[in-house]
Amino acid sequence: MNIDFSAEELAFQTEVREFLAAEFPADIREKLDNGIHMEKDDYIRWQKILANKGWAATNWPVEYGGTGWSSTQKYIFANELGLIGAPDVIPFGIKMVSPVIYTYGNEEQKERFLPDTLASNIWWAQGYSEPNAGSDLASLKTTAVREGGEYIVNGTKTWTTYGQYADWIFCLVRTGGPDVKNQNAISFLLIDMKTPGITVSPIYLLDGDPEVNEVYFDNVRVPAANLIGEEGKGWTYAKVLLTHERVSIAQVPQSKKYLEGLKETAAKTSDGGAENTLSENPAWIQKITDVEIELLALEYTELRTLAAVSTGKAPGPESSILKIKGTEIQQTLNELDVELAGYYSLPFVREQFTADFNGEAIGPDQAAASAPRYFNNRKATIYGGSNEVQLNIICKAVLGL
């Protein structure tokens, strides 16, 4: 694999840097740099800036509003986003449900949903996991019973990220009877969150933020026209969606920025000696070097995946490798962050992470968000399919075991 950039690619890199320097809102950047939670309006404002530039849907086909970029351009763009600290698009609409719609949906569904999703006029949520169906997703219990031109949906979805903001939710539902094999009884349904019978209940995480939710469906009537593809094919469509999600979860450029920040902080942090900094401590150097090597290997694996996607293929089982190593590296960086902050990572004041907080953070600047970030990110090895499940996928699809 040749990773030297051509003159055209270097020019593109310069264009991306200049765009981000000029258009990435300073107030959003300040929030992210200081560990302050972004609000819905922040995400939408930034996504609309990308959409207006034509850079929101990097993997979409050109005919639906995609960029038409090469794998190298996608790699450059993702890296520049990460290096400046700009957030990627919220994945549920542009990166997850949209590939399912433009691949398996009918023309009416494409016309109805793709333009508004691209313009961030629709906020999507994912309705996959249930209270008793997470890693064993095929055992889901939410039902959709056909009655004339509608489906009647009953059940519960959980861990619904940003469900409180959602306009629509894409759900896996059971349309087959008990005599049908689980994987053949599941369908892919789009549901308007304003439909009567839907209740959203927040789940507060350890950092005090209601990032995830439970969504209850009580005799919710959904037009049959909102079924994607065929009944009983939802499991097939879901697997395609999850491979796209797992590539995004790797977050290589974000981890690169995080790593550089830890190095800078270590160079200012005493290791307990009179003159030495932590960056001179052999044990710390070994830890940083180990994670840096793993991150470089992950980056090359991601490049191979992007190369496959650029030829029109969906991400293959290698996306499971990206998911496993990407989330493990993220958690390792969180642990090093807490180690750097030391006892300053222990106090936690919820108001410290809101935009209107006028008080002073406890300890060094980098310590403020270390503990909340650590606790929140314990979920990374679970969502998108637990890492244990990904190991099974690799054994079967890659190693043939």
Protein backbone atom coordinates (compact mmCIF):
# COMPACT_ATOMS: atom_id res chain seq x y z
CA MET A 1 0.00 0.00 0.00
CA ASN A 2 1.37 3.40 -1.03
CA ILE A 3 0.51 6.11 1.50
CA ASP A 4 2.47 8.91 -0.13
CA PHE A 5 0.10 11.69 -1.16
CA SER A 6 0.06 12.90 -4.74
CA ALA A 7 0.17 16.61 -5.59
CA GLU A 8 -3.62 16.57 -6.04
CA GLU A 9 -4.13 14.90 -2.68
CA LEU A 10 -1.85 17.39 -0.95
CA ALA A 11 -3.86 20.19 -2.53
CA PHE A 12 -7.03 18.56 -1.22
CA GLN A 13 -5.49 18.33 2.26
CA THR A 14 -4.73 22.05 2.14
CA GLU A 15 -8.31 22.78 1.04
CA VAL A 16 -9.71 20.77 3.97
CA ARG A 17 -7.42 22.50 6.47
CA GLU A 18 -8.34 25.94 5.18
CA PHE A 19 -12.05 25.11 5.26
CA LEU A 20 -11.90 23.81 8.83
CA ALA A 21 -9.83 26.78 9.99
CA ALA A 22 -12.41 29.18 8.53
CA GLU A 23 -15.70 27.36 9.12
CA PHE A 24 -15.40 25.23 12.27
CA PRO A 25 -17.31 27.35 14.83
CA ALA A 26 -15.08 28.63 17.63
CA ASP A 27 -17.76 28.17 20.31
CA ILE A 28 -18.22 24.48 19.41
CA ARG A 29 -14.46 23.97 19.39
CA GLU A 30 -14.18 25.57 22.83
CA LYS A 31 -16.89 23.26 24.19
CA LEU A 32 -15.16 20.17 22.88
CA ASP A 33 -11.72 21.28 24.07
CA ASN A 34 -13.08 21.83 27.58
CA GLY A 35 -15.18 18.69 27.91
CA ILE A 36 -18.51 20.55 27.73
CA HIS A 37 -21.43 18.57 26.34
CA MET A 38 -22.64 19.64 22.91
CA GLU A 39 -26.34 20.29 22.45
CA LYS A 40 -28.55 19.19 19.56
CA ASP A 41 -28.33 22.62 17.93
CA ASP A 42 -24.52 22.48 18.02
CA TYR A 43 -24.44 19.17 16.17
CA ILE A 44 -27.00 20.27 13.59
CA ARG A 45 -25.29 23.62 12.98
CA TRP A 46 -21.96 21.91 12.28
CA GLN A 47 -23.53 19.21 10.10
CA LYS A 48 -25.32 21.83 8.03
CA ILE A 49 -21.99 23.60 7.46
CA LEU A 50 -20.55 20.33 6.14
CA ALA A 51 -23.66 19.64 4.05
CA ASN A 52 -23.58 23.10 2.48
CA LYS A 53 -19.98 22.42 1.48
CA GLY A 54 -21.02 19.02 0.07
CA TRP A 55 -18.81 17.20 2.58
CA ALA A 56 -21.32 15.57 4.94
CA ALA A 57 -21.84 12.19 3.24
CA THR A 58 -18.35 11.02 2.39
CA ASN A 59 -19.37 7.43 1.61
CA TRP A 60 -22.65 8.02 -0.22
CA PRO A 61 -22.92 7.47 -3.98
CA VAL A 62 -22.60 10.73 -5.89
CA GLU A 63 -26.12 10.42 -7.31
CA TYR A 64 -27.56 10.78 -3.79
CA GLY A 65 -25.33 13.66 -2.71
CA GLY A 66 -22.11 11.86 -1.83
CA THR A 67 -18.66 13.34 -2.32
CA GLY A 68 -17.26 10.89 -4.86
CA TRP A 69 -13.99 11.01 -2.95
CA SER A 70 -11.28 8.40 -3.22
CA SER A 71 -10.35 6.34 -0.15
CA THR A 72 -7.32 8.58 0.29
CA GLN A 73 -9.43 11.73 0.29
CA LYS A 74 -11.76 10.20 2.88
CA TYR A 75 -8.75 9.31 4.98
CA ILE A 76 -7.35 12.85 4.69
CA PHE A 77 -10.69 14.43 5.58
CA ALA A 78 -11.24 12.20 8.62
CA ASN A 79 -7.73 12.88 9.87
CA GLU A 80 -8.03 16.63 9.49
CA LEU A 81 -11.35 16.56 11.36
CA GLY A 82 -9.73 14.61 14.17
CA LEU A 83 -6.60 16.75 14.36
CA ILE A 84 -8.52 19.98 14.72
CA GLY A 85 -10.97 18.39 17.15
CA ALA A 86 -14.04 18.80 14.94
CA PRO A 87 -16.81 16.23 15.45
CA ASP A 88 -17.84 13.86 12.70
CA VAL A 89 -21.50 13.77 11.68
CA ILE A 90 -23.87 11.98 14.06
CA PRO A 91 -23.72 8.51 12.50
CA PHE A 92 -27.29 7.25 12.83
CA GLY A 93 -28.67 9.10 9.82
CA ILE A 94 -25.89 9.68 7.33
CA LYS A 95 -23.64 6.71 8.10
CA MET A 96 -26.06 4.02 9.25
CA VAL A 97 -29.66 4.14 8.06
CA SER A 98 -28.99 6.00 4.79
CA PRO A 99 -26.81 3.24 3.24
CA VAL A 100 -29.66 0.82 3.99
CA ILE A 101 -32.21 3.16 2.39
CA TYR A 102 -30.25 3.86 -0.79
CA THR A 103 -29.28 0.19 -1.14
CA TYR A 104 -32.54 -1.59 -0.29
CA GLY A 105 -35.22 1.11 -0.21
CA ASN A 106 -37.59 1.99 -3.03
CA GLU A 107 -37.45 5.24 -4.99
CA GLU A 108 -40.16 6.89 -2.93
CA GLN A 109 -38.26 6.15 0.29
CA LYS A 110 -35.02 7.47 -1.18
CA GLU A 111 -36.67 10.71 -2.28
CA ARG A 112 -38.46 11.12 1.02
CA PHE A 113 -35.58 10.52 3.42
CA LEU A 114 -32.16 10.95 1.80
CA PRO A 115 -32.22 14.71 1.01
CA ASP A 116 -33.55 15.67 4.45
CA THR A 117 -31.11 13.35 6.20
CA LEU A 118 -28.22 14.83 4.24
CA ALA A 119 -29.33 18.36 5.18
CA SER A 120 -29.72 17.37 8.88
CA ASN A 121 -33.44 18.15 8.74
CA ILE A 122 -34.09 14.69 10.20
CA TRP A 123 -32.42 13.43 13.38
CA TRP A 124 -32.40 9.62 13.40
CA ALA A 125 -32.15 7.21 16.32
CA GLN A 126 -31.29 3.52 16.22
CA GLY A 127 -33.83 1.02 17.57
CA TYR A 128 -31.87 -2.21 17.82
CA SER A 129 -31.01 -3.27 21.39
CA GLU A 130 -33.71 -4.32 23.83
CA PRO A 131 -33.68 -4.97 27.60
CA ASN A 132 -33.17 -8.70 26.93
CA ALA A 133 -31.62 -8.56 23.47
CA GLY A 134 -28.27 -6.83 23.20
CA SER A 135 -25.38 -8.92 21.95
CA ASP A 136 -27.94 -11.63 21.15
CA LEU A 137 -29.84 -9.19 18.97
CA ALA A 138 -31.59 -11.87 16.90
CA SER A 139 -33.68 -12.72 19.98
CA LEU A 140 -35.40 -9.32 19.97
CA LYS A 141 -39.07 -9.29 21.04
CA THR A 142 -40.49 -6.03 19.64
CA THR A 143 -43.30 -7.09 17.29
CA ALA A 144 -44.81 -5.50 14.19
CA VAL A 145 -48.10 -7.14 13.23
CA ARG A 146 -49.52 -6.31 9.80
CA GLU A 147 -53.08 -4.99 9.75
CA GLY A 148 -54.09 -3.84 6.29
CA GLY A 149 -51.85 -0.97 5.27
CA GLU A 150 -50.21 -0.62 8.70
CA TYR A 151 -47.98 -2.39 11.17
CA ILE A 152 -48.93 -2.37 14.86
CA VAL A 153 -45.68 -2.13 16.84
CA ASN A 154 -45.32 -3.18 20.49
CA GLY A 155 -42.14 -3.54 22.53
CA THR A 156 -39.18 -1.71 24.03
CA LYS A 157 -35.85 -0.52 22.67
CA THR A 158 -33.02 0.46 25.00
CA TRP A 159 -29.64 2.24 24.95
CA THR A 160 -31.14 4.51 22.28
CA THR A 161 -28.44 7.15 21.89
CA TYR A 162 -29.84 10.69 21.63
CA GLY A 163 -33.35 9.27 21.36
CA GLN A 164 -34.61 12.41 23.10
CA TYR A 165 -33.62 14.41 20.02
CA ALA A 166 -34.88 12.01 17.35
CA ASP A 167 -37.46 12.83 14.69
CA TRP A 168 -37.39 9.26 13.32
CA ILE A 169 -36.13 5.90 14.53
CA PHE A 170 -35.13 2.91 12.41
CA CYS A 171 -36.05 -0.32 14.15
CA LEU A 172 -35.55 -4.03 13.87
CA VAL A 173 -38.91 -5.61 14.58
CA ARG A 174 -40.24 -9.16 14.62
CA THR A 175 -42.73 -9.74 11.79
CA GLY A 176 -42.45 -13.55 11.63
CA GLY A 177 -44.18 -16.05 13.90
CA PRO A 178 -42.61 -18.29 16.57
CA ASP A 179 -42.10 -21.07 14.03
CA VAL A 180 -39.79 -18.87 11.91
CA LYS A 181 -36.04 -18.85 12.60
CA ASN A 182 -35.04 -15.67 14.45
CA GLN A 183 -32.91 -14.22 11.66
CA ASN A 184 -35.69 -14.79 9.11
CA ALA A 185 -38.42 -13.24 11.26
CA ILE A 186 -36.92 -9.74 11.53
CA SER A 187 -37.80 -6.72 9.40
CA PHE A 188 -36.42 -3.18 9.07
CA LEU A 189 -38.99 -0.47 9.81
CA LEU A 190 -38.82 3.35 9.84
CA ILE A 191 -40.97 4.98 12.53
CA ASP A 192 -41.92 8.63 13.04
CA MET A 193 -41.16 9.48 16.70
CA LYS A 194 -44.24 11.74 16.84
CA THR A 195 -46.53 8.74 16.34
CA PRO A 196 -48.98 8.22 19.23
CA GLY A 197 -47.98 5.41 21.58
CA ILE A 198 -44.24 6.19 21.69
CA THR A 199 -42.68 7.13 25.04
CA VAL A 200 -39.04 8.09 25.56
CA SER A 201 -37.53 7.59 29.02
CA PRO A 202 -33.99 8.87 29.74
CA ILE A 203 -31.22 6.70 31.19
CA TYR A 204 -28.73 8.84 33.13
CA LEU A 205 -25.12 7.73 32.76
CA LEU A 206 -22.34 8.01 35.34
CA ASP A 207 -21.43 11.48 34.09
CA GLY A 208 -25.00 12.64 34.76
CA ASP A 209 -25.94 12.99 31.10
CA PRO A 210 -29.10 11.36 29.62
CA GLU A 211 -27.22 10.32 26.50
CA VAL A 212 -29.19 7.10 26.10
CA ASN A 213 -32.85 6.25 26.51
CA GLU A 214 -35.48 3.54 26.59
CA VAL A 215 -38.16 3.86 23.93
CA TYR A 216 -41.53 2.20 24.50
CA PHE A 217 -43.95 1.29 21.71
CA ASP A 218 -47.57 0.77 22.75
CA ASN A 219 -49.79 -0.17 19.80
CA VAL A 220 -47.91 2.24 17.55
CA ARG A 221 -49.40 2.36 14.06
CA VAL A 222 -46.78 2.58 11.32
CA PRO A 223 -47.58 2.78 7.60
CA ALA A 224 -46.53 -0.38 5.76
CA ALA A 225 -44.85 1.95 3.25
CA ASN A 226 -42.17 2.51 5.91
CA LEU A 227 -40.91 -1.06 5.59
CA ILE A 228 -37.47 -1.15 3.98
CA GLY A 229 -37.10 -3.90 1.41
CA GLU A 230 -38.84 -7.20 2.15
CA GLU A 231 -40.34 -8.65 5.29
CA GLY A 232 -37.96 -11.03 6.98
CA LYS A 233 -34.86 -9.47 5.41
CA GLY A 234 -34.16 -7.00 8.22
CA TRP A 235 -31.35 -9.08 9.67
CA THR A 236 -29.51 -8.96 6.34
CA TYR A 237 -29.92 -5.19 6.14
CA ALA A 238 -28.88 -4.77 9.79
CA LYS A 239 -25.60 -6.60 9.22
CA VAL A 240 -24.72 -4.18 6.41
CA LEU A 241 -25.53 -1.23 8.67
CA LEU A 242 -23.48 -2.59 11.55
CA THR A 243 -20.36 -2.99 9.42
CA HIS A 244 -20.57 0.73 8.54
CA GLU A 245 -21.10 1.55 12.24
CA ARG A 246 -18.08 -0.48 13.34
CA VAL A 247 -15.77 1.32 10.95
CA SER A 248 -16.90 4.65 12.45
CA ILE A 249 -16.46 3.38 16.01
CA ALA A 250 -12.72 2.88 15.43
CA GLN A 251 -12.18 6.69 15.68
CA VAL A 252 -8.55 6.58 14.59
CA PRO A 253 -8.04 10.34 14.04
CA GLN A 254 -9.76 11.21 17.31
CA SER A 255 -7.47 8.79 19.15
CA LYS A 256 -4.44 10.34 17.42
CA LYS A 257 -5.43 13.79 18.69
CA TYR A 258 -6.13 12.41 22.16
CA LEU A 259 -2.72 10.72 22.23
CA GLU A 260 -0.91 13.92 21.27
CA GLY A 261 -2.76 15.79 23.99
CA LEU A 262 -1.66 13.23 26.58
CA LYS A 263 1.95 13.59 25.45
CA GLU A 264 1.78 17.37 25.80
CA THR A 265 0.25 17.11 29.26
CA ALA A 266 2.82 14.52 30.40
CA ALA A 267 5.60 16.93 29.40
CA LYS A 268 4.20 19.41 31.94
CA THR A 269 3.41 16.92 34.71
CA SER A 270 5.87 15.96 37.43
CA ASP A 271 6.47 12.26 38.00
CA GLY A 272 7.09 12.91 41.66
CA GLY A 273 10.78 13.72 41.34
CA ALA A 274 12.31 17.12 41.92
CA GLU A 275 12.94 17.95 38.26
CA ASN A 276 11.64 15.14 36.07
CA THR A 277 8.37 15.22 34.15
CA LEU A 278 6.17 12.20 33.57
CA SER A 279 7.17 12.21 29.89
CA GLU A 280 10.69 11.21 31.04
CA ASN A 281 9.47 8.32 33.16
CA PRO A 282 10.45 4.96 31.54
CA ALA A 283 7.22 3.26 32.61
CA TRP A 284 5.13 6.07 31.09
CA ILE A 285 7.21 6.07 27.89
CA GLN A 286 6.56 2.32 27.52
CA LYS A 287 2.80 2.77 27.94
CA ILE A 288 2.64 5.60 25.40
CA THR A 289 4.83 3.74 22.92
CA ASP A 290 2.72 0.60 23.14
CA VAL A 291 -0.54 2.39 22.42
CA GLU A 292 1.05 4.46 19.64
CA ILE A 293 2.18 1.28 17.84
CA GLU A 294 -1.29 -0.26 18.17
CA LEU A 295 -2.88 2.93 16.84
CA LEU A 296 -0.57 2.96 13.81
CA ALA A 297 -1.46 -0.68 13.02
CA LEU A 298 -5.15 0.16 13.36
CA GLU A 299 -4.74 3.08 10.98
CA TYR A 300 -3.32 0.80 8.27
CA THR A 301 -6.21 -1.62 8.74
CA GLU A 302 -8.66 1.25 8.38
CA LEU A 303 -6.93 2.32 5.16
CA ARG A 304 -7.41 -1.14 3.71
CA THR A 305 -11.10 -1.00 4.62
CA LEU A 306 -11.53 2.44 3.04
CA ALA A 307 -9.85 1.14 -0.11
CA ALA A 308 -12.45 -1.66 -0.31
CA VAL A 309 -15.33 0.77 0.27
CA SER A 310 -14.02 3.05 -2.49
CA THR A 311 -14.52 0.23 -5.02
CA GLY A 312 -18.21 0.00 -4.12
CA LYS A 313 -17.98 -2.78 -1.56
CA ALA A 314 -19.51 -2.65 1.90
CA PRO A 315 -17.03 -2.93 4.77
CA GLY A 316 -16.32 -6.62 5.34
CA PRO A 317 -15.54 -8.62 8.48
CA GLU A 318 -12.38 -6.55 8.92
CA SER A 319 -14.72 -3.90 10.36
CA SER A 320 -14.91 -6.14 13.43
CA ILE A 321 -11.13 -5.84 13.81
CA LEU A 322 -11.44 -2.06 13.61
CA LYS A 323 -14.17 -2.08 16.21
CA ILE A 324 -12.27 -4.25 18.69
CA LYS A 325 -8.91 -2.52 18.49
CA GLY A 326 -10.36 0.96 18.09
CA THR A 327 -12.45 0.75 21.26
CA GLU A 328 -9.67 -0.95 23.24
CA ILE A 329 -7.27 1.84 22.28
CA GLN A 330 -9.84 4.48 23.25
CA GLN A 331 -10.21 2.94 26.69
CA THR A 332 -6.44 2.67 27.12
CA LEU A 333 -6.15 6.38 26.37
CA ASN A 334 -8.89 7.09 28.92
CA GLU A 335 -6.93 5.14 31.53
CA LEU A 336 -3.75 7.08 30.76
CA ASP A 337 -5.74 10.32 31.00
CA VAL A 338 -6.93 9.43 34.51
CA GLU A 339 -3.38 8.41 35.44
CA LEU A 340 -2.14 11.83 34.35
CA ALA A 341 -4.83 13.66 36.32
CA GLY A 342 -4.15 11.61 39.43
CA TYR A 343 -6.30 12.55 42.41
CA TYR A 344 -7.60 15.61 40.54
CA SER A 345 -9.74 13.22 38.47
CA LEU A 346 -11.71 12.16 41.55
CA PRO A 347 -13.96 15.21 42.21
CA PHE A 348 -16.91 15.57 39.87
CA VAL A 349 -19.20 18.56 39.64
CA ARG A 350 -21.90 18.09 36.99
CA GLU A 351 -22.29 21.84 36.39
CA GLN A 352 -18.62 22.01 35.48
CA PHE A 353 -19.47 20.48 32.12
CA THR A 354 -22.17 22.91 31.04
CA ALA A 355 -21.65 25.95 28.85
CA ASP A 356 -22.92 28.47 31.44
CA PHE A 357 -20.70 27.32 34.33
CA ASN A 358 -18.84 30.29 35.82
CA GLY A 359 -16.84 28.48 38.47
CA GLU A 360 -13.32 27.14 38.37
CA ALA A 361 -12.36 23.60 37.40
CA ILE A 362 -10.66 21.51 40.08
CA GLY A 363 -6.99 20.89 39.38
CA PRO A 364 -5.21 21.20 36.01
CA ASP A 365 -7.27 21.90 32.90
CA GLN A 366 -6.89 18.41 31.49
CA ALA A 367 -8.17 16.83 34.72
CA ALA A 368 -11.68 18.26 34.48
CA ALA A 369 -13.09 15.77 32.00
CA SER A 370 -10.82 12.79 32.64
CA ALA A 371 -13.11 10.86 35.01
CA PRO A 372 -16.41 11.52 33.16
CA ARG A 373 -14.74 10.58 29.88
CA TYR A 374 -13.33 7.40 31.42
CA PHE A 375 -16.66 6.26 32.88
CA ASN A 376 -18.70 7.17 29.81
CA ASN A 377 -16.38 5.33 27.46
CA ARG A 378 -16.55 1.98 29.27
CA LYS A 379 -19.50 1.34 26.92
CA ALA A 380 -17.29 1.51 23.81
CA THR A 381 -16.42 -2.19 23.84
CA ILE A 382 -20.12 -3.07 24.06
CA TYR A 383 -22.05 -0.88 21.61
CA GLY A 384 -22.08 -1.69 17.91
CA GLY A 385 -21.90 -5.36 18.86
CA SER A 386 -19.84 -6.35 21.88
CA ASN A 387 -16.18 -7.11 21.31
CA GLU A 388 -16.79 -10.73 22.32
CA VAL A 389 -19.28 -11.05 19.45
CA GLN A 390 -16.77 -9.41 17.09
CA LEU A 391 -14.20 -12.06 18.02
CA ASN A 392 -16.70 -14.73 16.98
CA ILE A 393 -17.25 -12.97 13.65
CA ILE A 394 -13.50 -12.86 13.01
CA CYS A 395 -13.15 -16.55 13.88
CA LYS A 396 -15.86 -17.54 11.41
CA ALA A 397 -15.53 -15.02 8.57
CA VAL A 398 -11.79 -14.32 8.61
CA LEU A 399 -10.10 -17.36 10.11
CA GLY A 400 -12.67 -19.92 8.96
CA LEU A 401 -12.85 -21.60 12.37
